[in-house]
Amino acid sequence: MKKLAIISQATLVALALSFSSCKDDEKKPDCGCDGTTELTIDKANAAYVGDGYFAIERTNEGNEKYLLAVKACGTVDASWEVAKDSATFNYTVSGDVKKQCKVDDVQPNTVQSISFQLKELIKK
């Protein structure tokens, strides 16, 4: 009985030490608004489509234009004006596209939006 009590106490101490050794930094994934920057966008045409979302004009390697949909990190500014449509660019934006979170460390989480750390927003 005494041996069982000692083993139980040792187990509790080991568990307590393992929980206290964890740091909050270890729990945060390197993605989303707190993640590393994957792409820096400088003075690109953008349409504000509401709820913190922007459609940013980009050009691929084949010189074809496309829209990149991103969600601004932080609080949405109530003064941002919604564009008539996503092809009507009403802002020029600069900022950082953040690393996208992955479901299983392989596939991007397609449900989650692409995070964008807005550095500059100029009304057209």
Foldseek 3Di string as FASTA:
>chain_A
DVVVVVVVVVVVVVVVVVVVPDDPVVVDDQWAPNHDFPDKDDFFFWFAADPQKIFTWDADPVRDIDTAIAGEPDDDDPPDDGDPDGVDGFKTWTWTFIHADADVVPHGPPVDGTYTHTDDIGTD
